[in-house]
Amino acid sequence: MPKVLNWQLAREMDYLYEGSRPERQVAFVFDINKCIACQSCSIACKTTWTSGKGEEVMFWNNVETKPYGFYPLKWDVSILQRLGEQEWQGATYRGRTIFEATPAGERVLGYLPDVDDYASPNLGEDEIAGTIERGAYLTGVHPVWMFYLARICNHCTYPACLAACPRKAIYKRKEDGVVLVDQTRCRGYRECVRGCPYKKVYFNLVTRISEKCICCYPLVEDGKQPRCVESCIGKIRLQGMLSHPQSPRADNPLDYLVLVRKVALPLYPQFGLEPNVYYIPPINVPTQFLRQMFGPGVDSALETYRSAKDDPELLGALLLFGSSPVRIDSYRVDGDRVAGYDEKGRLVVEVPFSEPVYIRPYFDSAHGVYRHNIS
């Protein structure tokens, strides 16, 4: 089996095909700390792409509550149990990936969810870990916690769905790394559904072929943000193009957050897919839980994130989230504001570091009335 370099594991690993990185890789950063589970992203995605027959319980974008929310049911617990022990030595992963733990006769370690596992996309919503006793109060990291995890297809560098498909009906575009299903080749074997550990490939029971997130590629090709990014009320998302991991650009906000400052981390990097949706971990959650989910860089990422208020470059990159429907390919901090530019170097948006506050008089003499809200 060919060897490929997975920078998220800091080592080479087995993969079914020779490594071939795209010219540039579409990627996302999600700031979990800001997500309020309003589901605006889920509805925007669904009304755009999955409103047809056989797609009733198909959510290319979903938001689940951790630790007890899953869509489909037990998706991560199921594959983690099959993968076995996952050992890290520093930043290097010493355990097996899903390509290295493959059972005899299979292409990828995986499992096929039952149809009923997709029936409850909001299962476990707002359920917390632990219980609150009388007289309890906050003392830092919450002993009782939960957080919202927004998920889409990761458009992985080494996609398991692509490796698992015997028909070669799944391909990764060289120009931007978007992973797509060629539905004219798909015969509905569902090996892609079985193989994807994130369970982000779906089988349409009416058409009998597979479907998945297409990264809103018509918008991406036009330099625009995908629907889930543009519709996000909490401004938790930023989409852009990630450079080669060995040659990041500090003026690229995606590169800066992922490759330079490493404040945004991949979801379950130990699976071995090198996913390209990165998450800023939640600061209210015990790090033992976060390390299994986002790898050994969690402690450093949390420390870096907490320092953002005193770090203009980092704060500037974070303020670009949700600031423009146009993709921001470079940025520059100038005094107390940050400017974002498109791939042609044109100014797209300027965001101030702080918004002005206007205090109005409590008594409005012009109208002879008192105000209840003066700010």
Protein backbone atom coordinates (compact mmCIF):
# COMPACT_ATOMS: atom_id res chain seq x y z
CA MET A 1 0.00 0.00 0.00
CA PRO A 2 1.42 3.46 -0.87
CA LYS A 3 2.75 5.75 1.87
CA VAL A 4 1.57 9.35 2.16
CA LEU A 5 2.60 12.15 4.50
CA ASN A 6 -0.14 13.26 6.90
CA TRP A 7 1.03 16.49 8.56
CA GLN A 8 -1.71 16.28 11.19
CA LEU A 9 -0.18 13.00 12.43
CA ALA A 10 3.43 14.15 11.93
CA ARG A 11 4.23 10.91 10.11
CA GLU A 12 3.69 8.88 6.98
CA MET A 13 0.74 6.50 6.82
CA ASP A 14 -0.82 3.90 4.53
CA TYR A 15 -3.35 5.04 1.92
CA LEU A 16 -4.84 3.19 -1.03
CA TYR A 17 -3.60 5.71 -3.62
CA GLU A 18 -0.46 7.73 -4.16
CA GLY A 19 -0.50 11.12 -2.46
CA SER A 20 -1.53 14.02 -4.70
CA ARG A 21 -2.34 17.29 -3.00
CA PRO A 22 -4.56 19.72 -4.93
CA GLU A 23 -3.22 23.00 -6.28
CA ARG A 24 -4.98 24.68 -3.34
CA GLN A 25 -7.21 23.16 -0.69
CA VAL A 26 -10.63 24.47 0.26
CA ALA A 27 -10.84 24.64 4.06
CA PHE A 28 -12.96 25.98 6.90
CA VAL A 29 -12.43 27.19 10.46
CA PHE A 30 -15.31 26.91 12.94
CA ASP A 31 -15.12 28.72 16.30
CA ILE A 32 -17.10 26.40 18.57
CA ASN A 33 -17.12 28.97 21.37
CA LYS A 34 -19.52 31.16 19.39
CA CYS A 35 -22.00 28.53 18.14
CA ILE A 36 -25.52 28.86 19.59
CA ALA A 37 -27.06 25.92 17.67
CA CYS A 38 -29.58 28.17 15.93
CA GLN A 39 -29.46 25.73 12.97
CA SER A 40 -29.43 28.57 10.42
CA CYS A 41 -26.59 26.75 8.66
CA SER A 42 -28.51 23.48 8.59
CA ILE A 43 -31.63 25.10 7.15
CA ALA A 44 -29.69 27.13 4.58
CA CYS A 45 -27.94 23.99 3.38
CA LYS A 46 -31.06 21.85 3.37
CA THR A 47 -33.28 24.30 1.52
CA THR A 48 -30.54 24.76 -1.07
CA TRP A 49 -29.41 21.17 -1.67
CA THR A 50 -31.48 18.44 0.06
CA SER A 51 -35.18 19.22 -0.31
CA GLY A 52 -35.95 16.38 -2.75
CA LYS A 53 -37.35 12.89 -2.44
CA GLY A 54 -35.23 10.53 -0.39
CA GLU A 55 -33.51 13.47 1.33
CA GLU A 56 -36.02 14.04 4.13
CA VAL A 57 -33.60 13.15 6.96
CA MET A 58 -30.43 14.02 5.03
CA PHE A 59 -28.46 16.91 6.53
CA TRP A 60 -25.20 17.66 4.75
CA ASN A 61 -24.73 20.28 7.48
CA ASN A 62 -25.80 19.43 11.01
CA VAL A 63 -25.20 20.80 14.49
CA GLU A 64 -25.06 18.28 17.33
CA THR A 65 -24.63 18.72 21.07
CA LYS A 66 -21.61 17.03 22.59
CA PRO A 67 -21.09 14.80 24.48
CA TYR A 68 -24.44 13.07 23.89
CA GLY A 69 -25.53 14.29 20.46
CA PHE A 70 -24.87 12.24 17.33
CA TYR A 71 -25.95 12.35 13.69
CA PRO A 72 -26.14 9.59 12.69
CA LEU A 73 -26.52 7.79 15.99
CA LYS A 74 -23.19 7.04 17.75
CA TRP A 75 -21.17 7.85 14.64
CA ASP A 76 -17.94 8.77 16.43
CA VAL A 77 -18.22 6.34 19.35
CA SER A 78 -18.77 3.46 16.92
CA ILE A 79 -15.66 4.09 14.84
CA LEU A 80 -13.49 4.96 17.87
CA GLN A 81 -14.36 1.60 19.44
CA ARG A 82 -13.46 -0.22 16.24
CA LEU A 83 -10.19 1.69 15.89
CA GLY A 84 -9.02 0.68 19.36
CA GLU A 85 -6.26 2.39 21.32
CA GLN A 86 -5.11 5.72 19.90
CA GLU A 87 -1.68 6.64 21.22
CA TRP A 88 0.06 9.98 20.73
CA GLN A 89 3.71 10.68 21.52
CA GLY A 90 3.91 14.43 21.57
CA ALA A 91 2.59 15.64 18.22
CA THR A 92 3.15 12.26 16.54
CA TYR A 93 0.37 9.71 16.31
CA ARG A 94 1.62 6.18 17.07
CA GLY A 95 -1.71 4.40 16.81
CA ARG A 96 -3.33 2.99 13.68
CA THR A 97 -5.48 4.97 11.26
CA ILE A 98 -8.61 3.57 9.65
CA PHE A 99 -6.47 2.71 6.61
CA GLU A 100 -3.93 0.83 8.74
CA ALA A 101 -6.51 -1.02 10.84
CA THR A 102 -8.45 -2.34 7.86
CA PRO A 103 -9.89 -5.87 8.33
CA ALA A 104 -8.99 -8.50 5.76
CA GLY A 105 -11.06 -8.22 2.60
CA GLU A 106 -12.02 -4.55 3.16
CA ARG A 107 -10.55 -1.34 1.80
CA VAL A 108 -11.20 0.86 4.86
CA LEU A 109 -12.11 0.24 8.51
CA GLY A 110 -15.72 1.36 8.84
CA TYR A 111 -19.31 0.39 9.46
CA LEU A 112 -22.70 0.96 7.83
CA PRO A 113 -25.25 2.78 10.00
CA ASP A 114 -28.83 1.55 10.13
CA VAL A 115 -31.46 3.63 8.36
CA ASP A 116 -33.03 4.45 11.74
CA ASP A 117 -29.73 5.96 12.94
CA TYR A 118 -30.48 9.03 10.78
CA ALA A 119 -34.00 9.53 12.12
CA SER A 120 -33.13 11.88 15.01
CA PRO A 121 -30.65 14.57 13.93
CA ASN A 122 -31.23 16.53 17.16
CA LEU A 123 -30.82 13.58 19.51
CA GLY A 124 -29.15 14.66 22.76
CA GLU A 125 -29.60 18.37 22.07
CA ASP A 126 -28.67 20.54 25.08
CA GLU A 127 -28.03 17.51 27.29
CA ILE A 128 -25.16 18.15 29.67
CA ALA A 129 -22.39 15.97 31.05
CA GLY A 130 -22.91 15.53 34.80
CA THR A 131 -25.51 16.94 37.14
CA ILE A 132 -25.86 20.26 38.95
CA GLU A 133 -26.10 19.91 42.72
CA ARG A 134 -27.79 22.43 44.99
CA GLY A 135 -25.42 25.22 45.94
CA ALA A 136 -23.07 24.63 43.01
CA TYR A 137 -21.34 27.62 41.45
CA LEU A 138 -18.81 28.23 38.67
CA THR A 139 -15.13 28.06 39.59
CA GLY A 140 -13.43 28.21 36.17
CA VAL A 141 -13.74 25.22 33.84
CA HIS A 142 -17.31 24.05 34.25
CA PRO A 143 -17.71 20.68 36.00
CA VAL A 144 -21.00 20.44 34.11
CA TRP A 145 -20.71 21.16 30.40
CA MET A 146 -21.82 20.67 26.82
CA PHE A 147 -21.04 22.35 23.52
CA TYR A 148 -22.38 22.53 19.99
CA LEU A 149 -20.45 20.86 17.18
CA ALA A 150 -21.32 22.01 13.65
CA ARG A 151 -20.33 19.45 11.01
CA ILE A 152 -20.08 19.31 7.23
CA CYS A 153 -18.04 17.18 4.86
CA ASN A 154 -14.36 17.71 5.67
CA HIS A 155 -13.24 17.48 2.02
CA CYS A 156 -10.33 15.46 3.33
CA THR A 157 -6.89 15.34 1.80
CA TYR A 158 -7.07 11.53 2.01
CA PRO A 159 -10.81 10.82 1.74
CA ALA A 160 -11.98 7.44 3.05
CA CYS A 161 -15.09 7.62 0.87
CA LEU A 162 -12.88 7.89 -2.21
CA ALA A 163 -10.65 5.04 -1.07
CA ALA A 164 -13.61 2.80 -0.24
CA CYS A 165 -15.52 3.15 -3.52
CA PRO A 166 -14.91 0.17 -5.83
CA ARG A 167 -16.45 2.07 -8.76
CA LYS A 168 -14.13 5.08 -8.42
CA ALA A 169 -17.27 7.22 -8.42
CA ILE A 170 -15.81 9.68 -5.91
CA TYR A 171 -13.08 12.10 -6.88
CA LYS A 172 -11.15 15.04 -5.45
CA ARG A 173 -10.81 18.11 -7.67
CA LYS A 174 -7.22 19.17 -8.31
CA GLU A 175 -8.06 22.87 -8.55
CA ASP A 176 -9.54 23.24 -5.05
CA GLY A 177 -9.66 19.86 -3.28
CA VAL A 178 -13.47 19.62 -3.21
CA VAL A 179 -14.59 15.98 -2.91
CA LEU A 180 -17.55 15.05 -5.14
CA VAL A 181 -19.63 12.02 -6.15
CA ASP A 182 -19.93 11.22 -9.84
CA GLN A 183 -23.54 10.06 -9.72
CA THR A 184 -23.37 8.67 -13.25
CA ARG A 185 -20.83 6.09 -12.01
CA CYS A 186 -22.40 5.40 -8.59
CA ARG A 187 -24.24 2.07 -8.33
CA GLY A 188 -25.37 2.44 -4.72
CA TYR A 189 -22.99 -0.06 -3.10
CA ARG A 190 -22.77 2.27 -0.06
CA GLU A 191 -19.10 1.49 0.49
CA CYS A 192 -18.52 5.25 0.72
CA VAL A 193 -21.10 5.48 3.52
CA ARG A 194 -19.42 2.59 5.30
CA GLY A 195 -15.94 4.01 4.81
CA CYS A 196 -16.38 7.65 5.86
CA PRO A 197 -15.72 7.77 9.63
CA TYR A 198 -17.50 11.12 9.89
CA LYS A 199 -20.59 9.66 8.13
CA LYS A 200 -20.88 12.61 5.79
CA VAL A 201 -21.79 10.60 2.70
CA TYR A 202 -25.48 9.73 2.46
CA PHE A 203 -27.48 7.12 0.57
CA ASN A 204 -30.70 8.26 -1.11
CA LEU A 205 -33.24 5.47 -0.65
CA VAL A 206 -35.30 6.74 -3.60
CA THR A 207 -32.64 7.33 -6.26
CA ARG A 208 -30.44 4.50 -4.83
CA ILE A 209 -27.24 6.51 -5.22
CA SER A 210 -24.98 8.39 -2.82
CA GLU A 211 -24.95 12.12 -2.13
CA LYS A 212 -22.78 14.46 -0.09
CA CYS A 213 -21.84 18.07 0.59
CA ILE A 214 -20.47 19.71 -2.55
CA CYS A 215 -18.95 22.68 -0.68
CA CYS A 216 -21.31 24.94 -2.66
CA TYR A 217 -18.65 24.79 -5.39
CA PRO A 218 -20.52 27.12 -7.77
CA LEU A 219 -20.10 29.82 -5.11
CA VAL A 220 -16.52 28.82 -4.29
CA GLU A 221 -15.58 29.02 -7.97
CA ASP A 222 -16.96 32.57 -7.98
CA GLY A 223 -14.95 33.59 -4.92
CA LYS A 224 -17.99 33.53 -2.61
CA GLN A 225 -18.59 31.89 0.78
CA PRO A 226 -20.75 28.71 0.89
CA ARG A 227 -24.35 28.93 2.08
CA CYS A 228 -23.66 27.58 5.57
CA VAL A 229 -20.94 30.20 6.10
CA GLU A 230 -22.91 33.13 4.75
CA SER A 231 -26.05 32.30 6.78
CA CYS A 232 -24.29 31.77 10.14
CA ILE A 233 -25.83 34.14 12.69
CA GLY A 234 -23.13 33.54 15.29
CA LYS A 235 -20.34 34.31 12.79
CA ILE A 236 -18.50 31.15 13.79
CA ARG A 237 -17.30 30.23 10.27
CA LEU A 238 -14.58 31.27 7.89
CA GLN A 239 -13.95 29.55 4.55
CA GLY A 240 -10.86 30.01 2.46
CA MET A 241 -8.01 28.25 0.67
CA LEU A 242 -5.34 26.51 2.72
CA SER A 243 -1.76 26.59 1.46
CA HIS A 244 0.61 23.64 1.42
CA PRO A 245 1.28 22.76 5.08
CA GLN A 246 5.02 23.31 4.63
CA SER A 247 4.65 26.76 3.05
CA PRO A 248 1.92 28.75 4.85
CA ARG A 249 1.24 32.41 4.14
CA ALA A 250 0.94 34.53 7.27
CA ASP A 251 -1.36 36.99 5.48
CA ASN A 252 -3.84 34.20 4.64
CA PRO A 253 -6.30 34.05 7.58
CA LEU A 254 -6.84 30.28 7.14
CA ASP A 255 -3.09 29.61 7.07
CA TYR A 256 -2.55 31.89 10.04
CA LEU A 257 -5.16 30.19 12.24
CA VAL A 258 -4.42 26.60 11.19
CA LEU A 259 -0.76 26.38 10.21
CA VAL A 260 0.95 29.34 11.89
CA ARG A 261 -0.77 29.84 15.26
CA LYS A 262 -2.39 26.36 15.34
CA VAL A 263 -5.42 27.71 17.20
CA ALA A 264 -7.79 25.74 14.94
CA LEU A 265 -7.53 21.94 15.02
CA PRO A 266 -8.85 19.02 12.92
CA LEU A 267 -11.67 16.78 14.12
CA TYR A 268 -10.43 13.30 15.10
CA PRO A 269 -7.09 13.58 13.27
CA GLN A 270 -6.26 10.03 14.39
CA PHE A 271 -8.66 8.68 11.76
CA GLY A 272 -5.95 9.59 9.24
CA LEU A 273 -7.99 11.46 6.62
CA GLU A 274 -6.35 14.87 7.14
CA PRO A 275 -9.75 16.63 7.30
CA ASN A 276 -9.94 20.24 6.15
CA VAL A 277 -12.59 21.57 8.54
CA TYR A 278 -10.76 22.96 11.58
CA TYR A 279 -12.22 23.81 14.96
CA ILE A 280 -11.26 26.31 17.64
CA PRO A 281 -11.91 24.16 20.74
CA PRO A 282 -14.43 25.29 23.38
CA ILE A 283 -12.81 26.81 26.46
CA ASN A 284 -15.50 25.54 28.87
CA VAL A 285 -14.87 21.82 28.33
CA PRO A 286 -12.43 19.50 30.19
CA THR A 287 -9.29 19.08 28.10
CA GLN A 288 -9.30 15.28 28.54
CA PHE A 289 -12.40 15.13 26.36
CA LEU A 290 -11.08 17.66 23.86
CA ARG A 291 -7.74 15.88 23.38
CA GLN A 292 -9.44 12.75 22.09
CA MET A 293 -11.58 14.83 19.73
CA PHE A 294 -9.00 17.33 18.44
CA GLY A 295 -5.60 15.80 19.23
CA PRO A 296 -2.64 16.80 21.43
CA GLY A 297 -2.60 20.46 20.35
CA VAL A 298 -5.66 21.35 22.42
CA ASP A 299 -3.90 22.88 25.43
CA SER A 300 -1.74 25.14 23.28
CA ALA A 301 -4.73 26.13 21.10
CA LEU A 302 -6.80 27.12 24.13
CA GLU A 303 -3.96 29.20 25.55
CA THR A 304 -3.48 30.95 22.21
CA TYR A 305 -7.20 31.63 21.85
CA ARG A 306 -7.42 33.18 25.31
CA SER A 307 -4.58 35.55 24.40
CA ALA A 308 -6.39 36.94 21.34
CA LYS A 309 -7.45 40.15 23.09
CA ASP A 310 -3.77 41.09 23.45
CA ASP A 311 -2.68 39.82 20.02
CA PRO A 312 -3.74 42.16 17.15
CA GLU A 313 -2.84 39.74 14.34
CA LEU A 314 -4.80 36.88 15.88
CA LEU A 315 -7.70 39.12 16.88
CA GLY A 316 -7.83 40.53 13.37
CA ALA A 317 -8.10 37.08 11.81
CA LEU A 318 -10.86 36.09 14.24
CA LEU A 319 -12.85 39.25 13.51
CA LEU A 320 -13.08 38.32 9.83
CA PHE A 321 -15.46 35.46 10.62
CA GLY A 322 -18.85 36.20 9.07
CA SER A 323 -17.76 39.66 7.94
CA SER A 324 -18.27 39.23 4.19
CA PRO A 325 -20.07 36.98 1.67
CA VAL A 326 -16.90 37.16 -0.45
CA ARG A 327 -14.02 34.80 0.32
CA ILE A 328 -11.14 36.53 2.07
CA ASP A 329 -7.78 35.34 0.73
CA SER A 330 -5.52 37.78 2.58
CA TYR A 331 -5.77 40.24 5.45
CA ARG A 332 -3.86 43.07 7.09
CA VAL A 333 -4.13 44.67 10.52
CA ASP A 334 -3.89 48.45 10.43
CA GLY A 335 -4.08 50.12 13.83
CA ASP A 336 -7.43 49.35 15.43
CA ARG A 337 -9.03 47.66 12.42
CA VAL A 338 -8.50 44.70 10.13
CA ALA A 339 -8.91 44.71 6.34
CA GLY A 340 -9.74 41.64 4.24
CA TYR A 341 -8.90 41.25 0.55
CA ASP A 342 -10.05 38.86 -2.19
CA GLU A 343 -7.71 36.73 -4.32
CA LYS A 344 -7.12 39.67 -6.70
CA GLY A 345 -6.04 41.94 -3.84
CA ARG A 346 -9.20 44.03 -3.85
CA LEU A 347 -10.50 45.34 -0.52
CA VAL A 348 -13.52 43.28 0.57
CA VAL A 349 -14.22 44.40 4.13
CA GLU A 350 -12.89 46.45 7.03
CA VAL A 351 -13.76 45.48 10.60
CA PRO A 352 -13.01 47.68 13.65
CA PHE A 353 -11.52 46.05 16.72
CA SER A 354 -14.18 47.68 18.88
CA GLU A 355 -17.60 49.09 18.06
CA PRO A 356 -18.43 52.66 19.15
CA VAL A 357 -20.86 53.05 22.05
CA TYR A 358 -23.33 55.94 22.07
CA ILE A 359 -24.98 56.94 25.34
CA ARG A 360 -28.19 58.94 24.92
CA PRO A 361 -29.58 61.21 27.66
CA TYR A 362 -32.00 59.51 30.05
CA PHE A 363 -34.48 62.35 29.56
CA ASP A 364 -35.29 63.36 25.97
CA SER A 365 -36.13 67.05 26.29
CA ALA A 366 -37.16 67.35 22.63
CA HIS A 367 -39.98 64.83 23.12
CA GLY A 368 -40.52 65.23 26.85
CA VAL A 369 -40.06 61.52 27.55
CA TYR A 370 -37.74 59.28 29.55
CA ARG A 371 -35.78 56.52 27.84
CA HIS A 372 -35.61 53.00 29.28
CA ASN A 373 -32.71 52.07 27.01
CA ILE A 374 -30.00 54.72 26.73
CA SER A 375 -27.18 52.75 25.02
